[in-house]
Amino acid sequence: MTEEMTKSPGLELWNQVCTTDPVALKKVELGRRKFSDIDITYSIKRATELWGPFGGNWGLRGQRITMLGDVGMLMEAEFYYPYGAFPIAADLQYESRGETAKKLQTTCIGKALSRLGFHADVYEGRFDDSAYRGLASSPVEQQQITHSPDQNATRLLGMAASRFDAMKPEGRSVLLGRVYDQVWTKFGKWPTTEASVDLIVREISLEDVLNDCS
């Protein structure tokens, strides 16, 4: 994405939501195909941070369900949010246990948010590229051959992320996965004391832990 495109007023929302914290990813395997997908709960949380609780300033309305023979179910609805509204639809194989309608609603929400730019980096396949993953994937996954941060280190990393969050510019987000990456890359070990938090915030650039789709 060029600098001119990034600064476009029409991309203001897109640039706020296009980068995904790697800790929210899940791996999907369909036969021989392997790819990254996003946890829909994380998507809903991001939308809630921007617009408030689901069903208030944003959500689905006018939901209509159509049976597709004996094997499928189609949901059509209108997705609305503070800047407008648009139609959305999804279909799934019917499950007799009664979960199909719930899954269709979730699928419609995820599709609608993706059209607004939510987690564009995931849908562009960037997390499935080895070079990008080297920069952005969680060190919990990268370093599983050694060790993951223990409970105390996780707490201290969270404190560091909160400190960065207090310094971030408006419209940007601190990605916890990038905090992990930067700490491991720079220090080669996890923090052990609260004094380490000061060192992390002093030695790691704020820009290196913020979302960025450029």
C-alpha atoms as a PDB file:
ATOM      1  CA  MET A   1       0.000   0.000   0.000  1.00  0.00           C
ATOM      2  CA  THR A   2       1.526   3.337  -1.049  1.00  0.00           C
ATOM      3  CA  GLU A   3       1.931   6.272   1.334  1.00  0.00           C
ATOM      4  CA  GLU A   4      -0.648   8.267  -0.667  1.00  0.00           C
ATOM      5  CA  MET A   5      -3.202   5.447  -0.357  1.00  0.00           C
ATOM      6  CA  THR A   6      -2.504   5.047   3.357  1.00  0.00           C
ATOM      7  CA  LYS A   7      -3.265   8.743   3.961  1.00  0.00           C
ATOM      8  CA  SER A   8      -6.521   8.670   1.975  1.00  0.00           C
ATOM      9  CA  PRO A   9      -9.533   9.745   4.125  1.00  0.00           C
ATOM     10  CA  GLY A  10     -11.468   6.806   2.730  1.00  0.00           C
ATOM     11  CA  LEU A  11      -8.954   4.416   4.298  1.00  0.00           C
ATOM     12  CA  GLU A  12      -9.103   5.876   7.800  1.00  0.00           C
ATOM     13  CA  LEU A  13     -11.164   3.007   9.223  1.00  0.00           C
ATOM     14  CA  TRP A  14      -9.297   0.409   7.160  1.00  0.00           C
ATOM     15  CA  ASN A  15      -5.941   1.566   8.539  1.00  0.00           C
ATOM     16  CA  GLN A  16      -7.264   1.348  12.099  1.00  0.00           C
ATOM     17  CA  VAL A  17      -8.326  -2.273  11.827  1.00  0.00           C
ATOM     18  CA  CYS A  18      -6.292  -3.899   9.052  1.00  0.00           C
ATOM     19  CA  THR A  19      -3.454  -5.240  11.225  1.00  0.00           C
ATOM     20  CA  THR A  20      -4.030  -8.299  13.403  1.00  0.00           C
ATOM     21  CA  ASP A  21      -2.375  -9.212  16.677  1.00  0.00           C
ATOM     22  CA  PRO A  22      -0.841 -12.663  15.980  1.00  0.00           C
ATOM     23  CA  VAL A  23      -2.140 -14.022  19.298  1.00  0.00           C
ATOM     24  CA  ALA A  24      -5.668 -13.876  17.798  1.00  0.00           C
ATOM     25  CA  LEU A  25      -4.821 -16.205  14.909  1.00  0.00           C
ATOM     26  CA  LYS A  26      -5.793 -19.825  14.543  1.00  0.00           C
ATOM     27  CA  LYS A  27      -4.400 -22.355  12.076  1.00  0.00           C
ATOM     28  CA  VAL A  28      -6.839 -24.105   9.746  1.00  0.00           C
ATOM     29  CA  GLU A  29      -6.224 -27.294   7.768  1.00  0.00           C
ATOM     30  CA  LEU A  30      -8.528 -28.292   4.906  1.00  0.00           C
ATOM     31  CA  GLY A  31      -7.028 -31.378   3.329  1.00  0.00           C
ATOM     32  CA  ARG A  32      -3.586 -30.361   2.104  1.00  0.00           C
ATOM     33  CA  ARG A  33      -4.367 -26.665   2.415  1.00  0.00           C
ATOM     34  CA  LYS A  34      -3.111 -24.902   5.539  1.00  0.00           C
ATOM     35  CA  PHE A  35      -3.784 -21.248   6.273  1.00  0.00           C
ATOM     36  CA  SER A  36      -4.314 -18.697   9.046  1.00  0.00           C
ATOM     37  CA  ASP A  37      -7.754 -17.517  10.121  1.00  0.00           C
ATOM     38  CA  ILE A  38      -8.987 -15.021  12.692  1.00  0.00           C
ATOM     39  CA  ASP A  39     -10.887 -15.739  15.892  1.00  0.00           C
ATOM     40  CA  ILE A  40     -14.270 -14.064  15.362  1.00  0.00           C
ATOM     41  CA  THR A  41     -14.416 -13.121  19.053  1.00  0.00           C
ATOM     42  CA  TYR A  42     -11.336 -10.961  18.503  1.00  0.00           C
ATOM     43  CA  SER A  43     -13.018  -9.290  15.510  1.00  0.00           C
ATOM     44  CA  ILE A  44     -16.119  -8.511  17.560  1.00  0.00           C
ATOM     45  CA  LYS A  45     -13.951  -7.137  20.370  1.00  0.00           C
ATOM     46  CA  ARG A  46     -12.152  -4.791  17.931  1.00  0.00           C
ATOM     47  CA  ALA A  47     -15.491  -3.571  16.556  1.00  0.00           C
ATOM     48  CA  THR A  48     -16.789  -3.075  20.098  1.00  0.00           C
ATOM     49  CA  GLU A  49     -13.730  -0.974  20.953  1.00  0.00           C
ATOM     50  CA  LEU A  50     -14.558   1.314  18.030  1.00  0.00           C
ATOM     51  CA  TRP A  51     -18.370   1.461  18.090  1.00  0.00           C
ATOM     52  CA  GLY A  52     -19.632   0.100  21.402  1.00  0.00           C
ATOM     53  CA  PRO A  53     -21.523  -3.122  22.195  1.00  0.00           C
ATOM     54  CA  PHE A  54     -22.950  -5.272  19.420  1.00  0.00           C
ATOM     55  CA  GLY A  55     -26.583  -4.415  18.681  1.00  0.00           C
ATOM     56  CA  GLY A  56     -26.180  -0.737  19.509  1.00  0.00           C
ATOM     57  CA  ASN A  57     -24.405   1.334  16.871  1.00  0.00           C
ATOM     58  CA  TRP A  58     -23.523  -1.743  14.824  1.00  0.00           C
ATOM     59  CA  GLY A  59     -24.744  -5.252  14.118  1.00  0.00           C
ATOM     60  CA  LEU A  60     -27.143  -7.250  11.950  1.00  0.00           C
ATOM     61  CA  ARG A  61     -30.784  -6.456  11.271  1.00  0.00           C
ATOM     62  CA  GLY A  62     -33.534  -7.830   9.077  1.00  0.00           C
ATOM     63  CA  GLN A  63     -32.169 -11.360   9.283  1.00  0.00           C
ATOM     64  CA  ARG A  64     -33.893 -13.814   6.948  1.00  0.00           C
ATOM     65  CA  ILE A  65     -33.246 -17.561   6.905  1.00  0.00           C
ATOM     66  CA  THR A  66     -34.007 -19.769   3.908  1.00  0.00           C
ATOM     67  CA  MET A  67     -33.697 -23.552   3.842  1.00  0.00           C
ATOM     68  CA  LEU A  68     -31.719 -24.845   0.864  1.00  0.00           C
ATOM     69  CA  GLY A  69     -33.392 -28.182   0.381  1.00  0.00           C
ATOM     70  CA  ASP A  70     -32.653 -30.634   3.187  1.00  0.00           C
ATOM     71  CA  VAL A  71     -28.938 -29.964   3.458  1.00  0.00           C
ATOM     72  CA  GLY A  72     -28.337 -26.231   3.636  1.00  0.00           C
ATOM     73  CA  MET A  73     -29.391 -22.990   5.256  1.00  0.00           C
ATOM     74  CA  LEU A  74     -28.993 -19.442   3.934  1.00  0.00           C
ATOM     75  CA  MET A  75     -29.001 -16.281   6.035  1.00  0.00           C
ATOM     76  CA  GLU A  76     -29.437 -12.834   4.510  1.00  0.00           C
ATOM     77  CA  ALA A  77     -29.212  -9.670   6.588  1.00  0.00           C
ATOM     78  CA  GLU A  78     -28.200  -6.040   6.605  1.00  0.00           C
ATOM     79  CA  PHE A  79     -25.008  -5.102   8.407  1.00  0.00           C
ATOM     80  CA  TYR A  80     -25.100  -1.604   9.877  1.00  0.00           C
ATOM     81  CA  TYR A  81     -22.413   0.476  11.526  1.00  0.00           C
ATOM     82  CA  PRO A  82     -21.833   4.198  12.263  1.00  0.00           C
ATOM     83  CA  TYR A  83     -20.898   5.020   8.664  1.00  0.00           C
ATOM     84  CA  GLY A  84     -23.602   3.181   6.778  1.00  0.00           C
ATOM     85  CA  ALA A  85     -25.099  -0.228   6.022  1.00  0.00           C
ATOM     86  CA  PHE A  86     -24.878  -2.945   3.373  1.00  0.00           C
ATOM     87  CA  PRO A  87     -26.374  -6.398   2.670  1.00  0.00           C
ATOM     88  CA  ILE A  88     -24.531  -9.538   3.683  1.00  0.00           C
ATOM     89  CA  ALA A  89     -25.286 -13.244   3.261  1.00  0.00           C
ATOM     90  CA  ALA A  90     -23.850 -16.637   4.155  1.00  0.00           C
ATOM     91  CA  ASP A  91     -24.861 -20.264   3.717  1.00  0.00           C
ATOM     92  CA  LEU A  92     -23.826 -23.394   5.587  1.00  0.00           C
ATOM     93  CA  GLN A  93     -24.639 -27.052   5.664  1.00  0.00           C
ATOM     94  CA  TYR A  94     -27.593 -27.642   7.970  1.00  0.00           C
ATOM     95  CA  GLU A  95     -26.887 -29.224  11.366  1.00  0.00           C
ATOM     96  CA  SER A  96     -29.772 -30.845  13.205  1.00  0.00           C
ATOM     97  CA  ARG A  97     -28.331 -29.841  16.587  1.00  0.00           C
ATOM     98  CA  GLY A  98     -29.589 -26.292  16.044  1.00  0.00           C
ATOM     99  CA  GLU A  99     -26.252 -24.466  15.812  1.00  0.00           C
ATOM    100  CA  THR A 100     -26.505 -23.549  12.127  1.00  0.00           C
ATOM    101  CA  ALA A 101     -28.375 -20.247  12.609  1.00  0.00           C
ATOM    102  CA  LYS A 102     -25.877 -19.142  15.264  1.00  0.00           C
ATOM    103  CA  LYS A 103     -22.927 -20.023  13.028  1.00  0.00           C
ATOM    104  CA  LEU A 104     -24.525 -18.195  10.091  1.00  0.00           C
ATOM    105  CA  GLN A 105     -24.890 -15.035  12.170  1.00  0.00           C
ATOM    106  CA  THR A 106     -21.246 -15.253  13.208  1.00  0.00           C
ATOM    107  CA  THR A 107     -20.180 -15.861   9.603  1.00  0.00           C
ATOM    108  CA  CYS A 108     -22.158 -12.843   8.384  1.00  0.00           C
ATOM    109  CA  ILE A 109     -20.553 -10.613  11.017  1.00  0.00           C
ATOM    110  CA  GLY A 110     -17.075 -11.823  10.096  1.00  0.00           C
ATOM    111  CA  LYS A 111     -17.692 -11.300   6.376  1.00  0.00           C
ATOM    112  CA  ALA A 112     -19.072  -7.809   6.918  1.00  0.00           C
ATOM    113  CA  LEU A 113     -16.155  -6.721   9.100  1.00  0.00           C
ATOM    114  CA  SER A 114     -13.663  -8.088   6.581  1.00  0.00           C
ATOM    115  CA  ARG A 115     -15.222  -5.888   3.886  1.00  0.00           C
ATOM    116  CA  LEU A 116     -14.451  -2.877   6.073  1.00  0.00           C
ATOM    117  CA  GLY A 117     -10.794  -3.890   6.323  1.00  0.00           C
ATOM    118  CA  PHE A 118     -10.782  -5.760   9.632  1.00  0.00           C
ATOM    119  CA  HIS A 119      -7.771  -8.136   9.633  1.00  0.00           C
ATOM    120  CA  ALA A 120      -6.920  -7.412   6.015  1.00  0.00           C
ATOM    121  CA  ASP A 121      -3.397  -8.709   6.625  1.00  0.00           C
ATOM    122  CA  VAL A 122      -4.820 -12.152   7.452  1.00  0.00           C
ATOM    123  CA  TYR A 123      -7.073 -12.305   4.400  1.00  0.00           C
ATOM    124  CA  GLU A 124      -4.212 -11.104   2.194  1.00  0.00           C
ATOM    125  CA  GLY A 125      -2.303 -14.170   3.348  1.00  0.00           C
ATOM    126  CA  ARG A 126       0.541 -12.269   4.964  1.00  0.00           C
ATOM    127  CA  PHE A 127       0.672 -14.592   7.956  1.00  0.00           C
ATOM    128  CA  ASP A 128       1.132 -17.517   5.585  1.00  0.00           C
ATOM    129  CA  ASP A 129       4.268 -15.987   4.082  1.00  0.00           C
ATOM    130  CA  SER A 130       7.471 -17.058   5.812  1.00  0.00           C
ATOM    131  CA  ALA A 131       9.107 -13.616   5.604  1.00  0.00           C
ATOM    132  CA  TYR A 132       6.087 -11.856   7.101  1.00  0.00           C
ATOM    133  CA  ARG A 133       5.685 -14.498   9.796  1.00  0.00           C
ATOM    134  CA  GLY A 134       9.296 -13.922  10.786  1.00  0.00           C
ATOM    135  CA  LEU A 135       8.335 -10.334  11.653  1.00  0.00           C
ATOM    136  CA  ALA A 136       4.849 -10.726  13.015  1.00  0.00           C
ATOM    137  CA  SER A 137       4.115 -14.182  14.420  1.00  0.00           C
ATOM    138  CA  SER A 138       3.975 -14.727  18.151  1.00  0.00           C
ATOM    139  CA  PRO A 139       7.237 -15.823  19.783  1.00  0.00           C
ATOM    140  CA  VAL A 140       5.204 -18.269  21.844  1.00  0.00           C
ATOM    141  CA  GLU A 141       4.862 -20.172  18.571  1.00  0.00           C
ATOM    142  CA  GLN A 142       8.283 -19.267  17.173  1.00  0.00           C
ATOM    143  CA  GLN A 143      10.162 -20.321  20.297  1.00  0.00           C
ATOM    144  CA  GLN A 144       8.221 -23.435  21.231  1.00  0.00           C
ATOM    145  CA  ILE A 145      11.397 -25.473  20.692  1.00  0.00           C
ATOM    146  CA  THR A 146      12.896 -23.611  23.668  1.00  0.00           C
ATOM    147  CA  HIS A 147      10.291 -22.277  26.088  1.00  0.00           C
ATOM    148  CA  SER A 148       7.318 -19.957  26.365  1.00  0.00           C
ATOM    149  CA  PRO A 149       7.076 -17.102  28.879  1.00  0.00           C
ATOM    150  CA  ASP A 150       5.965 -18.231  32.316  1.00  0.00           C
ATOM    151  CA  GLN A 151       3.122 -16.594  34.238  1.00  0.00           C
ATOM    152  CA  ASN A 152       5.334 -13.869  35.708  1.00  0.00           C
ATOM    153  CA  ALA A 153       6.924 -13.025  32.345  1.00  0.00           C
ATOM    154  CA  THR A 154       3.494 -12.916  30.712  1.00  0.00           C
ATOM    155  CA  ARG A 155       2.341 -10.466  33.393  1.00  0.00           C
ATOM    156  CA  LEU A 156       5.384  -8.241  32.831  1.00  0.00           C
ATOM    157  CA  LEU A 157       4.958  -8.337  29.050  1.00  0.00           C
ATOM    158  CA  GLY A 158       1.369  -7.250  29.565  1.00  0.00           C
ATOM    159  CA  MET A 159       2.567  -4.354  31.723  1.00  0.00           C
ATOM    160  CA  ALA A 160       4.972  -3.292  28.984  1.00  0.00           C
ATOM    161  CA  ALA A 161       2.176  -3.464  26.405  1.00  0.00           C
ATOM    162  CA  SER A 162       0.029  -1.238  28.653  1.00  0.00           C
ATOM    163  CA  ARG A 163       2.846   1.299  28.901  1.00  0.00           C
ATOM    164  CA  PHE A 164       3.175   1.362  25.115  1.00  0.00           C
ATOM    165  CA  ASP A 165      -0.613   1.673  24.822  1.00  0.00           C
ATOM    166  CA  ALA A 166      -0.540   4.825  26.945  1.00  0.00           C
ATOM    167  CA  MET A 167       1.922   6.390  24.489  1.00  0.00           C
ATOM    168  CA  LYS A 168       0.342   5.313  21.187  1.00  0.00           C
ATOM    169  CA  PRO A 169      -1.043   7.926  18.786  1.00  0.00           C
ATOM    170  CA  GLU A 170      -4.774   8.106  18.118  1.00  0.00           C
ATOM    171  CA  GLY A 171      -5.981   5.555  15.609  1.00  0.00           C
ATOM    172  CA  ARG A 172      -3.158   3.071  16.220  1.00  0.00           C
ATOM    173  CA  SER A 173      -3.138  -0.110  18.291  1.00  0.00           C
ATOM    174  CA  VAL A 174      -0.444  -1.898  20.280  1.00  0.00           C
ATOM    175  CA  LEU A 175      -0.100  -5.544  19.220  1.00  0.00           C
ATOM    176  CA  LEU A 176       0.807  -7.826  22.104  1.00  0.00           C
ATOM    177  CA  GLY A 177       2.352 -10.350  19.728  1.00  0.00           C
ATOM    178  CA  ARG A 178       4.748  -7.705  18.462  1.00  0.00           C
ATOM    179  CA  VAL A 179       5.716  -6.766  21.999  1.00  0.00           C
ATOM    180  CA  TYR A 180       6.623 -10.424  22.545  1.00  0.00           C
ATOM    181  CA  ASP A 181       8.579 -10.526  19.269  1.00  0.00           C
ATOM    182  CA  GLN A 182      10.526  -7.365  19.964  1.00  0.00           C
ATOM    183  CA  VAL A 183      11.429  -8.405  23.516  1.00  0.00           C
ATOM    184  CA  TRP A 184      12.671 -11.823  22.435  1.00  0.00           C
ATOM    185  CA  THR A 185      14.549 -10.454  19.416  1.00  0.00           C
ATOM    186  CA  LYS A 186      16.286  -7.684  21.363  1.00  0.00           C
ATOM    187  CA  PHE A 187      16.999  -9.405  24.678  1.00  0.00           C
ATOM    188  CA  GLY A 188      16.862 -13.122  23.894  1.00  0.00           C
ATOM    189  CA  LYS A 189      15.020 -13.830  27.134  1.00  0.00           C
ATOM    190  CA  TRP A 190      11.783 -13.004  28.909  1.00  0.00           C
ATOM    191  CA  PRO A 191      11.508 -10.313  31.627  1.00  0.00           C
ATOM    192  CA  THR A 192      11.757 -11.411  35.261  1.00  0.00           C
ATOM    193  CA  THR A 193      11.290  -8.218  37.310  1.00  0.00           C
ATOM    194  CA  GLU A 194       9.258  -5.019  37.071  1.00  0.00           C
ATOM    195  CA  ALA A 195      12.505  -3.155  36.411  1.00  0.00           C
ATOM    196  CA  SER A 196      12.598  -5.084  33.133  1.00  0.00           C
ATOM    197  CA  VAL A 197       9.429  -3.288  32.051  1.00  0.00           C
ATOM    198  CA  ASP A 198      11.203   0.076  32.210  1.00  0.00           C
ATOM    199  CA  LEU A 199      14.050  -1.362  30.139  1.00  0.00           C
ATOM    200  CA  ILE A 200      11.651  -2.771  27.531  1.00  0.00           C
ATOM    201  CA  VAL A 201       9.817   0.530  27.095  1.00  0.00           C
ATOM    202  CA  ARG A 202      13.095   2.449  26.922  1.00  0.00           C
ATOM    203  CA  GLU A 203      14.908   0.159  24.482  1.00  0.00           C
ATOM    204  CA  ILE A 204      12.105  -0.861  22.107  1.00  0.00           C
ATOM    205  CA  SER A 205      10.656   1.635  19.644  1.00  0.00           C
ATOM    206  CA  LEU A 206       6.941   2.359  20.013  1.00  0.00           C
ATOM    207  CA  GLU A 207       6.533   2.156  16.239  1.00  0.00           C
ATOM    208  CA  ASP A 208       7.780  -1.439  16.245  1.00  0.00           C
ATOM    209  CA  VAL A 209       4.839  -2.651  18.370  1.00  0.00           C
ATOM    210  CA  LEU A 210       2.024  -0.718  16.631  1.00  0.00           C
ATOM    211  CA  ASN A 211      -0.321  -1.920  13.913  1.00  0.00           C
ATOM    212  CA  ASP A 212       0.702  -1.002  10.397  1.00  0.00           C
ATOM    213  CA  CYS A 213      -0.715  -2.214   7.085  1.00  0.00           C
ATOM    214  CA  SER A 214       1.741  -0.385   4.870  1.00  0.00           C
END
